[in-house]
């Protein structure tokens, strides 16, 4: 299944509303969305995982990498409603 990602600004951060599967097959879509937000200077990324049905090992590694990259820039990543 593909993934849909919608960006939604909130006070002090940005929410990515994600729908579908976070897998190796759609990792570039996720990486691109996160990078665009990071380049805008976002310090708090909130990943809304309520509609994510499946995360494979590649997706899990990508979540860890995104979190680490935000921490290096004094930011943080939060997950909302992980399944």
Protein backbone atom coordinates (compact mmCIF):
# COMPACT_ATOMS: atom_id res chain seq x y z
CA UNK A 1 0.00 0.00 0.00
CA UNK A 2 1.19 3.50 -0.74
CA UNK A 3 1.41 6.23 1.84
CA UNK A 4 -0.34 9.57 1.96
CA UNK A 5 1.28 12.34 3.98
CA UNK A 6 -0.37 15.64 4.85
CA UNK A 7 1.39 18.48 6.63
CA UNK A 8 -0.49 20.42 9.30
CA UNK A 9 1.03 23.31 11.29
CA UNK A 10 0.35 23.47 15.03
CA UNK A 11 1.69 25.87 17.68
CA UNK A 12 5.42 25.18 18.12
CA UNK A 13 5.59 22.42 15.50
CA UNK A 14 4.29 20.56 12.50
CA UNK A 15 2.14 17.43 12.37
CA UNK A 16 2.56 14.92 9.57
CA UNK A 17 -0.72 13.03 9.22
CA UNK A 18 0.34 9.70 7.72
CA UNK A 19 -1.95 7.11 6.14
CA UNK A 20 -0.87 3.71 4.80
CA UNK A 21 2.29 1.67 5.29
CA UNK A 22 5.76 2.99 6.13
CA UNK A 23 7.95 0.57 4.22
CA UNK A 24 11.08 0.36 2.10
CA UNK A 25 8.93 0.88 -1.00
CA UNK A 26 7.74 4.34 0.07
CA UNK A 27 10.65 5.53 2.21
CA UNK A 28 11.60 8.29 -0.25
CA UNK A 29 8.16 9.88 0.03
CA UNK A 30 8.50 9.98 3.81
CA UNK A 31 12.09 11.25 3.70
CA UNK A 32 11.13 14.03 1.27
CA UNK A 33 8.22 15.20 3.46
CA UNK A 34 10.42 15.24 6.58
CA UNK A 35 13.27 17.04 4.82
CA UNK A 36 10.95 19.77 3.53
CA UNK A 37 9.72 20.40 7.07
CA UNK A 38 13.23 20.37 8.52
CA UNK A 39 14.42 22.90 5.93
CA UNK A 40 11.63 25.26 7.01
CA UNK A 41 13.24 25.38 10.45
CA UNK A 42 10.77 23.16 12.28
CA UNK A 43 12.04 22.15 15.75
CA UNK A 44 9.19 19.80 16.71
CA UNK A 45 7.93 17.20 14.27
CA UNK A 46 4.85 15.25 15.33
CA UNK A 47 4.18 12.05 13.39
CA UNK A 48 0.50 11.14 13.53
CA UNK A 49 0.65 7.35 13.18
CA UNK A 50 -3.06 6.69 13.84
CA UNK A 51 -3.69 5.58 10.23
CA UNK A 52 -0.38 3.78 9.66
CA UNK A 53 -1.18 0.09 9.34
CA UNK A 54 2.31 -1.38 9.01
CA UNK A 55 5.95 -0.37 9.54
CA UNK A 56 8.69 -2.68 8.25
CA UNK A 57 12.30 -2.73 9.48
CA UNK A 58 13.30 -0.08 6.94
CA UNK A 59 10.53 2.22 8.15
CA UNK A 60 11.50 1.66 11.77
CA UNK A 61 15.12 2.50 11.00
CA UNK A 62 14.01 5.62 9.17
CA UNK A 63 11.97 6.77 12.18
CA UNK A 64 15.05 6.36 14.39
CA UNK A 65 17.24 8.25 11.91
CA UNK A 66 14.75 11.13 11.63
CA UNK A 67 14.60 11.41 15.42
CA UNK A 68 18.39 11.43 15.69
CA UNK A 69 18.72 14.11 12.99
CA UNK A 70 16.23 16.37 14.74
CA UNK A 71 18.05 15.90 18.07
CA UNK A 72 21.32 16.96 16.46
CA UNK A 73 19.65 20.26 15.60
CA UNK A 74 18.11 20.73 19.08
CA UNK A 75 14.73 19.54 17.81
CA UNK A 76 12.51 16.64 18.71
CA UNK A 77 10.23 14.09 17.08
CA UNK A 78 7.06 12.83 18.74
CA UNK A 79 4.72 10.05 17.69
CA UNK A 80 0.99 10.47 18.03
CA UNK A 81 -1.15 7.34 18.36
CA UNK A 82 1.33 4.66 17.27
CA UNK A 83 -0.43 1.33 16.74
